[in-house]
């Protein structure tokens, strides 16, 4: 049951947070704006790939395949050569990014410029999709993109933005909670009141938890309604994951707040946590490709587990029977962070 002291504490925190117009902008507008930026700017989709075409077969089938490539809106036949060496030369010189080759027997070879990194793999995926759609070609193609058939990177990145936005906003807000009381000189007044420590911690976390849940709903709505990202899983499961995730971000923020003497120190400490947590979350770089020591470090990163849950719920529609290890990890890490923050607060006061 909520005590009278806790109700007053919650009211105080909400009023203190929302009375600043700039803070209202950060909480309500910035998440939507950054989701739009991420949705449009952070993309590995490949368009207008300049391609060399070498058609030594000169059959109606080969010309039809070339038309399929050009009509896809992805590939542009920038160079048409009559021999293999000339096409390779164009690829080596960087005049084209890919080559489509038909030998005299009608066999097809598609080559991309591997120096272009991930875009090369995406272009190969597009080519495989185009060739797989034809039933008149004597070939076997085994690759498929089951949960993202069009290989749209937006579907992969935008759900992860939810974890990033919630972490940044709630971490910064909660990191200022205790240290702000120290700076303005009200901590001593709170200490002499009959308020219990758990009431103080709850009063500092619950308002920001509510803000975090609102951000989850807003960013999810932008993802689904604006970017047409499929939400195949349970929205209730998404909310449960968000609650566990907020235990981690708010716990870390409060821990930083109890360890800092000024709001500037708290802000710098937040960024010290945000950047490694982002890099080790799997948001942009696959965790499986990291060295063993780094992979072990990611086990203590709550953003990693939330990133997995978001993508599994949005794109695959998986439930708790599959995602329970990530839920359990968030629960354990969140409980540890909140406990550490509470113990540190006891030492501080």
Protein backbone atom coordinates (compact mmCIF):
# COMPACT_ATOMS: atom_id res chain seq x y z
CA UNK A 1 0.00 0.00 0.00
CA UNK A 2 1.33 3.43 -0.95
CA UNK A 3 2.08 5.59 2.08
CA UNK A 4 1.29 9.28 2.37
CA UNK A 5 5.00 10.11 2.41
CA UNK A 6 5.57 8.16 -0.80
CA UNK A 7 2.67 9.93 -2.54
CA UNK A 8 4.16 13.30 -1.66
CA UNK A 9 7.56 12.15 -2.90
CA UNK A 10 6.11 11.00 -6.23
CA UNK A 11 4.23 14.26 -6.68
CA UNK A 12 7.37 16.27 -5.92
CA UNK A 13 9.48 14.35 -8.45
CA UNK A 14 6.90 14.63 -11.23
CA UNK A 15 6.42 18.36 -10.67
CA UNK A 16 10.17 18.93 -10.52
CA UNK A 17 10.70 16.97 -13.75
CA UNK A 18 7.92 18.46 -15.86
CA UNK A 19 8.00 22.09 -14.76
CA UNK A 20 11.02 22.73 -17.02
CA UNK A 21 9.82 23.15 -20.66
CA UNK A 22 13.16 21.87 -21.98
CA UNK A 23 12.82 18.72 -19.90
CA UNK A 24 9.34 18.14 -21.26
CA UNK A 25 10.79 18.43 -24.75
CA UNK A 26 13.51 15.88 -23.97
CA UNK A 27 11.06 13.40 -22.47
CA UNK A 28 8.18 13.62 -24.94
CA UNK A 29 9.52 14.91 -28.26
CA UNK A 30 13.15 13.76 -28.52
CA UNK A 31 12.33 10.00 -28.49
CA UNK A 32 9.99 10.39 -31.47
CA UNK A 33 12.47 12.58 -33.34
CA UNK A 34 15.37 10.19 -32.75
CA UNK A 35 13.27 7.20 -33.78
CA UNK A 36 12.53 8.93 -37.09
CA UNK A 37 16.22 9.73 -37.55
CA UNK A 38 17.28 6.16 -36.81
CA UNK A 39 14.55 4.76 -39.02
CA UNK A 40 15.67 6.76 -42.04
CA UNK A 41 19.42 7.23 -41.49
CA UNK A 42 20.61 4.01 -39.85
CA UNK A 43 20.15 1.60 -42.70
CA UNK A 44 22.15 -1.04 -44.53
CA UNK A 45 19.66 -1.22 -47.38
CA UNK A 46 21.40 -0.96 -50.73
CA UNK A 47 19.95 0.96 -53.67
CA UNK A 48 21.22 1.93 -57.13
CA UNK A 49 24.02 -0.66 -57.28
CA UNK A 50 25.98 -0.02 -60.47
CA UNK A 51 26.49 -3.38 -62.14
CA UNK A 52 28.56 -4.70 -65.04
CA UNK A 53 26.73 -7.12 -67.29
CA UNK A 54 28.53 -9.69 -69.43
CA UNK A 55 26.08 -11.72 -71.51
CA UNK A 56 28.02 -14.28 -73.53
CA UNK A 57 24.96 -16.53 -73.80
CA UNK A 58 22.86 -13.91 -75.62
CA UNK A 59 19.64 -15.83 -75.13
CA UNK A 60 16.13 -14.64 -74.39
CA UNK A 61 16.46 -16.12 -70.90
CA UNK A 62 19.64 -14.18 -70.12
CA UNK A 63 18.12 -10.93 -71.38
CA UNK A 64 15.05 -11.62 -69.26
CA UNK A 65 17.23 -12.08 -66.16
CA UNK A 66 18.95 -8.75 -66.85
CA UNK A 67 15.55 -7.08 -67.14
CA UNK A 68 14.55 -8.56 -63.77
CA UNK A 69 17.66 -7.07 -62.18
CA UNK A 70 17.15 -3.62 -63.69
CA UNK A 71 13.42 -3.50 -62.95
CA UNK A 72 14.04 -4.28 -59.27
CA UNK A 73 15.08 -0.69 -58.64
CA UNK A 74 18.26 -1.89 -56.92
CA UNK A 75 20.65 -2.64 -59.78
CA UNK A 76 21.71 -0.34 -62.60
CA UNK A 77 23.53 -1.85 -65.62
CA UNK A 78 26.18 0.84 -65.74
CA UNK A 79 28.63 -1.16 -67.87
CA UNK A 80 27.84 -3.73 -70.56
CA UNK A 81 30.92 -5.68 -71.58
CA UNK A 82 31.50 -8.52 -74.01
CA UNK A 83 34.30 -10.27 -72.17
CA UNK A 84 34.97 -11.38 -68.65
CA UNK A 85 38.30 -9.52 -68.23
CA UNK A 86 36.81 -6.10 -69.06
CA UNK A 87 34.07 -6.57 -66.49
CA UNK A 88 36.60 -7.58 -63.85
CA UNK A 89 38.62 -4.48 -64.71
CA UNK A 90 35.56 -2.28 -64.14
CA UNK A 91 35.00 -4.00 -60.79
CA UNK A 92 38.66 -3.59 -59.78
CA UNK A 93 38.66 0.10 -60.68
CA UNK A 94 35.53 0.79 -58.66
CA UNK A 95 33.44 1.85 -61.67
CA UNK A 96 30.86 -0.77 -60.69
CA UNK A 97 29.97 -2.48 -57.42
CA UNK A 98 28.78 -5.79 -58.87
CA UNK A 99 29.02 -7.99 -61.95
CA UNK A 100 26.41 -10.26 -63.55
CA UNK A 101 28.04 -12.82 -65.86
CA UNK A 102 26.43 -15.33 -68.26
CA UNK A 103 28.75 -17.85 -69.89
CA UNK A 104 28.02 -19.44 -73.27
CA UNK A 105 26.16 -22.36 -71.67
CA UNK A 106 23.82 -20.04 -69.77
CA UNK A 107 25.35 -20.48 -66.30
CA UNK A 108 25.10 -17.38 -64.12
CA UNK A 109 27.70 -15.84 -61.84
CA UNK A 110 27.03 -12.82 -59.62
CA UNK A 111 30.03 -11.08 -58.06
CA UNK A 112 30.09 -8.14 -55.64
CA UNK A 113 32.87 -5.84 -54.45
CA UNK A 114 33.67 -7.25 -51.00
CA UNK A 115 35.63 -4.16 -49.98
CA UNK A 116 32.29 -2.39 -49.51
CA UNK A 117 31.59 -4.46 -46.41
CA UNK A 118 28.00 -5.16 -45.39
CA UNK A 119 26.52 -3.58 -48.51
CA UNK A 120 28.15 -6.33 -50.54
CA UNK A 121 26.32 -9.02 -48.59
CA UNK A 122 23.03 -7.14 -48.87
CA UNK A 123 23.45 -6.81 -52.64
CA UNK A 124 24.11 -10.56 -52.86
CA UNK A 125 20.93 -11.18 -50.89
CA UNK A 126 18.93 -9.06 -53.34
CA UNK A 127 20.44 -10.93 -56.28
CA UNK A 128 19.61 -14.31 -54.72
CA UNK A 129 16.01 -13.19 -54.19
CA UNK A 130 15.67 -12.11 -57.82
CA UNK A 131 17.15 -15.34 -59.17
CA UNK A 132 15.09 -17.48 -56.80
CA UNK A 133 11.90 -15.94 -58.17
CA UNK A 134 12.57 -17.45 -61.61
CA UNK A 135 11.46 -21.01 -62.28
CA UNK A 136 13.05 -21.32 -65.72
CA UNK A 137 16.67 -21.27 -64.52
CA UNK A 138 18.53 -24.57 -63.94
CA UNK A 139 19.88 -23.79 -60.47
CA UNK A 140 19.40 -24.47 -56.79
CA UNK A 141 19.34 -21.60 -54.31
CA UNK A 142 19.15 -22.43 -50.62
CA UNK A 143 19.38 -19.03 -48.91
CA UNK A 144 16.27 -17.42 -47.49
CA UNK A 145 15.36 -14.50 -45.20
CA UNK A 146 12.47 -16.01 -43.33
CA UNK A 147 11.59 -13.31 -40.78
CA UNK A 148 12.57 -10.32 -42.91
CA UNK A 149 11.89 -11.44 -46.48
CA UNK A 150 12.80 -8.11 -48.08
CA UNK A 151 15.99 -7.86 -46.01
CA UNK A 152 15.01 -4.38 -44.81
CA UNK A 153 17.53 -3.22 -42.24
CA UNK A 154 14.92 -0.83 -40.83
CA UNK A 155 12.99 -3.81 -39.48
CA UNK A 156 16.14 -4.90 -37.68
CA UNK A 157 17.29 -1.56 -36.27
CA UNK A 158 14.12 0.31 -35.31
CA UNK A 159 12.99 -2.15 -32.57
CA UNK A 160 16.42 -1.76 -31.03
CA UNK A 161 15.90 1.99 -30.87
CA UNK A 162 13.33 1.38 -28.11
CA UNK A 163 16.04 -0.04 -25.85
CA UNK A 164 18.41 2.80 -26.70
CA UNK A 165 15.94 5.63 -26.12
CA UNK A 166 14.60 4.22 -22.85
CA UNK A 167 18.12 3.67 -21.55
CA UNK A 168 19.32 7.18 -22.36
CA UNK A 169 16.31 9.03 -20.96
CA UNK A 170 15.71 7.03 -17.78
CA UNK A 171 19.42 6.70 -17.02
CA UNK A 172 20.01 10.44 -17.25
CA UNK A 173 16.86 11.34 -15.28
CA UNK A 174 17.50 8.87 -12.47
CA UNK A 175 21.22 9.71 -12.30
CA UNK A 176 20.26 13.27 -11.36
CA UNK A 177 17.76 12.20 -8.68
CA UNK A 178 19.88 11.94 -5.53
CA UNK A 179 22.71 14.24 -6.56
CA UNK A 180 20.22 17.03 -7.26
CA UNK A 181 19.03 16.85 -3.65
CA UNK A 182 22.66 17.18 -2.53
CA UNK A 183 23.32 20.21 -4.71
CA UNK A 184 20.24 22.18 -3.71
CA UNK A 185 20.72 21.29 -0.04
CA UNK A 186 17.50 19.36 0.58
CA UNK A 187 19.13 16.02 1.35
CA UNK A 188 19.64 16.97 5.01
CA UNK A 189 15.97 17.94 5.28
CA UNK A 190 14.91 14.57 3.86
CA UNK A 191 17.19 12.74 6.27
CA UNK A 192 15.47 14.18 9.33
CA UNK A 193 11.99 13.26 8.12
CA UNK A 194 10.39 9.91 9.08
CA UNK A 195 10.60 8.80 5.41
CA UNK A 196 12.01 5.29 5.10
CA UNK A 197 14.82 4.51 2.70
CA UNK A 198 12.66 2.29 0.50
CA UNK A 199 10.12 5.11 0.22
CA UNK A 200 12.87 7.48 -0.87
CA UNK A 201 14.18 5.04 -3.50
CA UNK A 202 10.66 4.26 -4.73
CA UNK A 203 9.83 7.94 -4.89
CA UNK A 204 12.91 8.54 -7.02
CA UNK A 205 12.33 5.61 -9.41
CA UNK A 206 8.58 5.23 -9.97
CA UNK A 207 8.05 8.59 -11.75
CA UNK A 208 10.90 7.85 -14.15
CA UNK A 209 9.61 4.30 -14.60
CA UNK A 210 6.27 5.75 -15.71
CA UNK A 211 8.08 8.07 -18.13
CA UNK A 212 10.04 5.10 -19.48
CA UNK A 213 6.87 3.07 -20.09
CA UNK A 214 5.30 6.00 -21.94
CA UNK A 215 8.42 6.22 -24.12
CA UNK A 216 8.21 2.50 -24.91
CA UNK A 217 4.60 2.90 -26.05
CA UNK A 218 5.32 6.04 -28.08
CA UNK A 219 8.38 4.66 -29.87
CA UNK A 220 6.62 1.33 -30.50
CA UNK A 221 3.68 3.21 -32.02
CA UNK A 222 6.05 5.13 -34.31
CA UNK A 223 7.74 1.89 -35.35
CA UNK A 224 4.46 0.13 -36.16
CA UNK A 225 2.33 2.97 -37.54
CA UNK A 226 4.95 5.08 -39.31
CA UNK A 227 7.60 2.58 -40.40
CA UNK A 228 5.24 -0.42 -40.71
CA UNK A 229 7.50 -2.60 -38.59
CA UNK A 230 5.59 -5.81 -37.85
CA UNK A 231 4.71 -6.46 -34.21
CA UNK A 232 4.10 -10.20 -34.31
CA UNK A 233 4.39 -10.88 -30.58
CA UNK A 234 2.47 -9.98 -27.45
CA UNK A 235 2.29 -6.33 -26.43
CA UNK A 236 1.81 -7.46 -22.82
CA UNK A 237 5.05 -9.43 -22.98
CA UNK A 238 6.74 -6.33 -24.39
CA UNK A 239 5.47 -4.31 -21.43
CA UNK A 240 6.72 -6.93 -18.96
CA UNK A 241 10.15 -6.85 -20.59
CA UNK A 242 10.11 -3.06 -20.37
CA UNK A 243 9.41 -3.18 -16.62
CA UNK A 244 12.36 -5.53 -16.06
CA UNK A 245 14.56 -3.40 -18.31
CA UNK A 246 13.63 -0.26 -16.40
CA UNK A 247 14.78 -1.95 -13.19
CA UNK A 248 18.23 -2.05 -14.78
CA UNK A 249 18.39 1.45 -16.24
CA UNK A 250 16.90 3.10 -13.17
CA UNK A 251 19.06 1.01 -10.84
CA UNK A 252 22.19 2.02 -12.73
CA UNK A 253 21.09 5.66 -12.77
CA UNK A 254 20.46 5.70 -9.00
CA UNK A 255 23.79 3.98 -8.38
CA UNK A 256 25.54 6.66 -10.43
CA UNK A 257 23.60 9.35 -8.58
CA UNK A 258 24.66 8.10 -5.15
CA UNK A 259 28.30 7.96 -6.28
CA UNK A 260 28.37 11.48 -7.77
CA UNK A 261 28.85 14.79 -6.01
CA UNK A 262 27.53 17.03 -8.78
CA UNK A 263 25.08 16.72 -11.65
CA UNK A 264 27.95 17.22 -14.09
CA UNK A 265 29.73 14.18 -12.67
CA UNK A 266 26.52 12.17 -12.95
CA UNK A 267 26.04 13.17 -16.58
CA UNK A 268 29.60 12.22 -17.54
CA UNK A 269 29.24 8.89 -15.73
CA UNK A 270 26.06 8.19 -17.70
CA UNK A 271 27.85 8.62 -21.00
CA UNK A 272 30.67 6.43 -19.71
CA UNK A 273 28.06 3.67 -19.31
CA UNK A 274 25.92 4.39 -22.40
CA UNK A 275 28.59 4.01 -25.08
CA UNK A 276 30.00 0.62 -23.98
CA UNK A 277 26.47 -0.66 -23.32
CA UNK A 278 25.46 0.31 -26.85
CA UNK A 279 28.53 -1.19 -28.52
CA UNK A 280 28.17 -4.46 -26.59
CA UNK A 281 24.41 -4.82 -27.09
CA UNK A 282 24.33 -6.29 -30.59
CA UNK A 283 22.53 -3.21 -31.89
CA UNK A 284 24.97 -2.70 -34.76
CA UNK A 285 27.67 -5.35 -34.36
CA UNK A 286 26.88 -9.08 -33.96
CA UNK A 287 27.93 -10.36 -30.54
CA UNK A 288 28.89 -13.71 -32.08
CA UNK A 289 31.67 -11.98 -34.04
CA UNK A 290 33.26 -10.45 -30.93
CA UNK A 291 36.27 -11.98 -29.12
CA UNK A 292 35.54 -14.40 -26.31
CA UNK A 293 36.46 -11.99 -23.52
CA UNK A 294 34.19 -9.30 -24.96
CA UNK A 295 31.34 -11.79 -25.37
CA UNK A 296 31.69 -12.65 -21.69
CA UNK A 297 31.43 -8.96 -20.81
CA UNK A 298 28.16 -8.68 -22.73
CA UNK A 299 26.56 -11.15 -20.31
CA UNK A 300 26.46 -8.31 -17.74
CA UNK A 301 24.93 -5.83 -20.18
CA UNK A 302 21.15 -5.49 -19.74
CA UNK A 303 20.82 -3.73 -23.10
CA UNK A 304 21.89 -6.95 -24.81
CA UNK A 305 18.96 -8.90 -23.39
CA UNK A 306 16.41 -6.18 -24.10
CA UNK A 307 17.68 -5.93 -27.67
CA UNK A 308 17.15 -9.66 -28.12
CA UNK A 309 13.66 -9.55 -26.62
CA UNK A 310 12.56 -6.62 -28.78
CA UNK A 311 13.67 -8.18 -32.05
CA UNK A 312 12.25 -11.57 -31.17
CA UNK A 313 8.86 -10.10 -30.19
CA UNK A 314 8.62 -7.71 -33.13
CA UNK A 315 9.93 -9.86 -35.98
CA UNK A 316 9.41 -13.46 -34.85
CA UNK A 317 6.52 -13.24 -32.41
CA UNK A 318 8.29 -15.46 -29.89
CA UNK A 319 6.88 -15.90 -26.40
CA UNK A 320 8.15 -16.44 -22.90
CA UNK A 321 8.88 -20.11 -23.58
CA UNK A 322 11.71 -18.98 -25.86
CA UNK A 323 12.71 -15.68 -24.26
CA UNK A 324 12.73 -16.69 -20.59
CA UNK A 325 16.57 -16.70 -20.32
CA UNK A 326 16.68 -13.03 -21.35
CA UNK A 327 13.81 -12.16 -18.98
CA UNK A 328 15.58 -13.95 -16.13
CA UNK A 329 18.85 -12.13 -16.87
CA UNK A 330 17.07 -8.76 -16.78
CA UNK A 331 15.42 -9.65 -13.48
CA UNK A 332 18.68 -10.72 -11.84
CA UNK A 333 20.73 -7.79 -13.13
CA UNK A 334 18.00 -5.29 -12.27
CA UNK A 335 17.62 -6.65 -8.74
CA UNK A 336 21.38 -6.49 -8.23
CA UNK A 337 21.60 -2.88 -9.46
CA UNK A 338 18.67 -1.67 -7.34
CA UNK A 339 20.10 -3.43 -4.27
CA UNK A 340 23.53 -1.90 -4.87
CA UNK A 341 21.99 1.56 -5.28
CA UNK A 342 20.03 1.16 -2.02
CA UNK A 343 23.10 -0.01 -0.10
CA UNK A 344 25.17 2.79 -1.55
CA UNK A 345 22.50 5.28 -0.56
CA UNK A 346 22.67 4.04 3.03
CA UNK A 347 26.42 4.61 3.08
CA UNK A 348 25.96 8.04 1.53
CA UNK A 349 23.42 9.34 4.01
